[in-house]
Amino acid sequence: MSHTTVPTRNQALLRWVDEVAAVTRPDAVHWCDGSAEEYDALAQILIEAGAFEKLSDAKRPNSYLAL
């Protein structure tokens, strides 16, 4: 889940992200946008990893058990 669009023009922030990425060498850098789609995608990744368990939508909509 990696966006190619960078949501900032703040050059100091962009340099800092580049510096940290150069040291940590992540597979990807993801810029959070706070959208519902992003929330759902991140929750799904955590479910697949076994860290989240989706609770009943009838009783607890949009809720997860974090393990």
Protein backbone atom coordinates (compact mmCIF):
# COMPACT_ATOMS: atom_id res chain seq x y z
CA MET A 1 0.00 0.00 0.00
CA SER A 2 2.10 2.84 -1.24
CA HIS A 3 0.99 6.14 -2.69
CA THR A 4 3.02 7.93 -5.32
CA THR A 5 1.36 11.26 -4.48
CA VAL A 6 3.12 13.16 -1.70
CA PRO A 7 0.60 15.29 0.23
CA THR A 8 3.03 18.05 1.19
CA ARG A 9 5.36 20.61 -0.30
CA ASN A 10 7.24 21.02 2.98
CA GLN A 11 10.82 20.54 1.81
CA ALA A 12 12.19 19.98 5.33
CA LEU A 13 9.68 17.18 5.90
CA LEU A 14 10.41 15.61 2.51
CA ARG A 15 14.17 15.70 3.20
CA TRP A 16 13.63 14.15 6.64
CA VAL A 17 11.48 11.33 5.20
CA ASP A 18 14.14 10.68 2.54
CA GLU A 19 16.89 10.62 5.20
CA VAL A 20 15.00 8.20 7.44
CA ALA A 21 14.09 5.99 4.49
CA ALA A 22 17.74 5.88 3.42
CA VAL A 23 18.75 4.64 6.87
CA THR A 24 15.84 2.25 7.51
CA ARG A 25 15.45 1.06 3.89
CA PRO A 26 11.70 0.31 4.00
CA ASP A 27 10.00 -1.61 1.19
CA ALA A 28 7.75 1.41 0.71
CA VAL A 29 6.83 4.77 2.22
CA HIS A 30 3.12 5.33 2.78
CA TRP A 31 1.75 8.84 3.23
CA CYS A 32 -1.39 8.64 5.37
CA ASP A 33 -4.44 10.45 4.03
CA GLY A 34 -6.97 9.55 6.73
CA SER A 35 -9.53 8.24 4.27
CA ALA A 36 -12.03 5.47 4.95
CA GLU A 37 -10.39 3.46 2.16
CA GLU A 38 -7.02 3.74 3.87
CA TYR A 39 -8.54 2.69 7.22
CA ASP A 40 -10.17 -0.36 5.63
CA ALA A 41 -6.99 -1.37 3.79
CA LEU A 42 -4.81 -1.06 6.91
CA ALA A 43 -7.35 -2.99 8.99
CA GLN A 44 -7.39 -5.73 6.35
CA ILE A 45 -3.59 -5.97 6.43
CA LEU A 46 -3.73 -6.37 10.22
CA ILE A 47 -6.47 -9.02 9.95
CA GLU A 48 -4.39 -10.99 7.45
CA ALA A 49 -1.35 -10.72 9.72
CA GLY A 50 -3.36 -12.09 12.63
CA ALA A 51 -3.06 -8.92 14.69
CA PHE A 52 -6.72 -7.86 14.29
CA GLU A 53 -9.94 -9.83 14.53
CA LYS A 54 -13.07 -8.17 13.15
CA LEU A 55 -15.90 -7.97 15.67
CA SER A 56 -19.60 -8.31 14.87
CA ASP A 57 -20.82 -5.37 12.76
CA ALA A 58 -24.27 -5.74 14.36
CA LYS A 59 -22.87 -5.25 17.85
CA ARG A 60 -19.64 -3.32 17.23
CA PRO A 61 -19.55 -1.68 13.78
CA ASN A 62 -16.04 -0.91 12.49
CA SER A 63 -14.48 -2.51 15.57
CA TYR A 64 -11.62 -4.95 15.93
CA LEU A 65 -9.96 -7.01 18.63
CA ALA A 66 -6.24 -6.22 18.58
CA LEU A 67 -4.10 -9.20 19.54
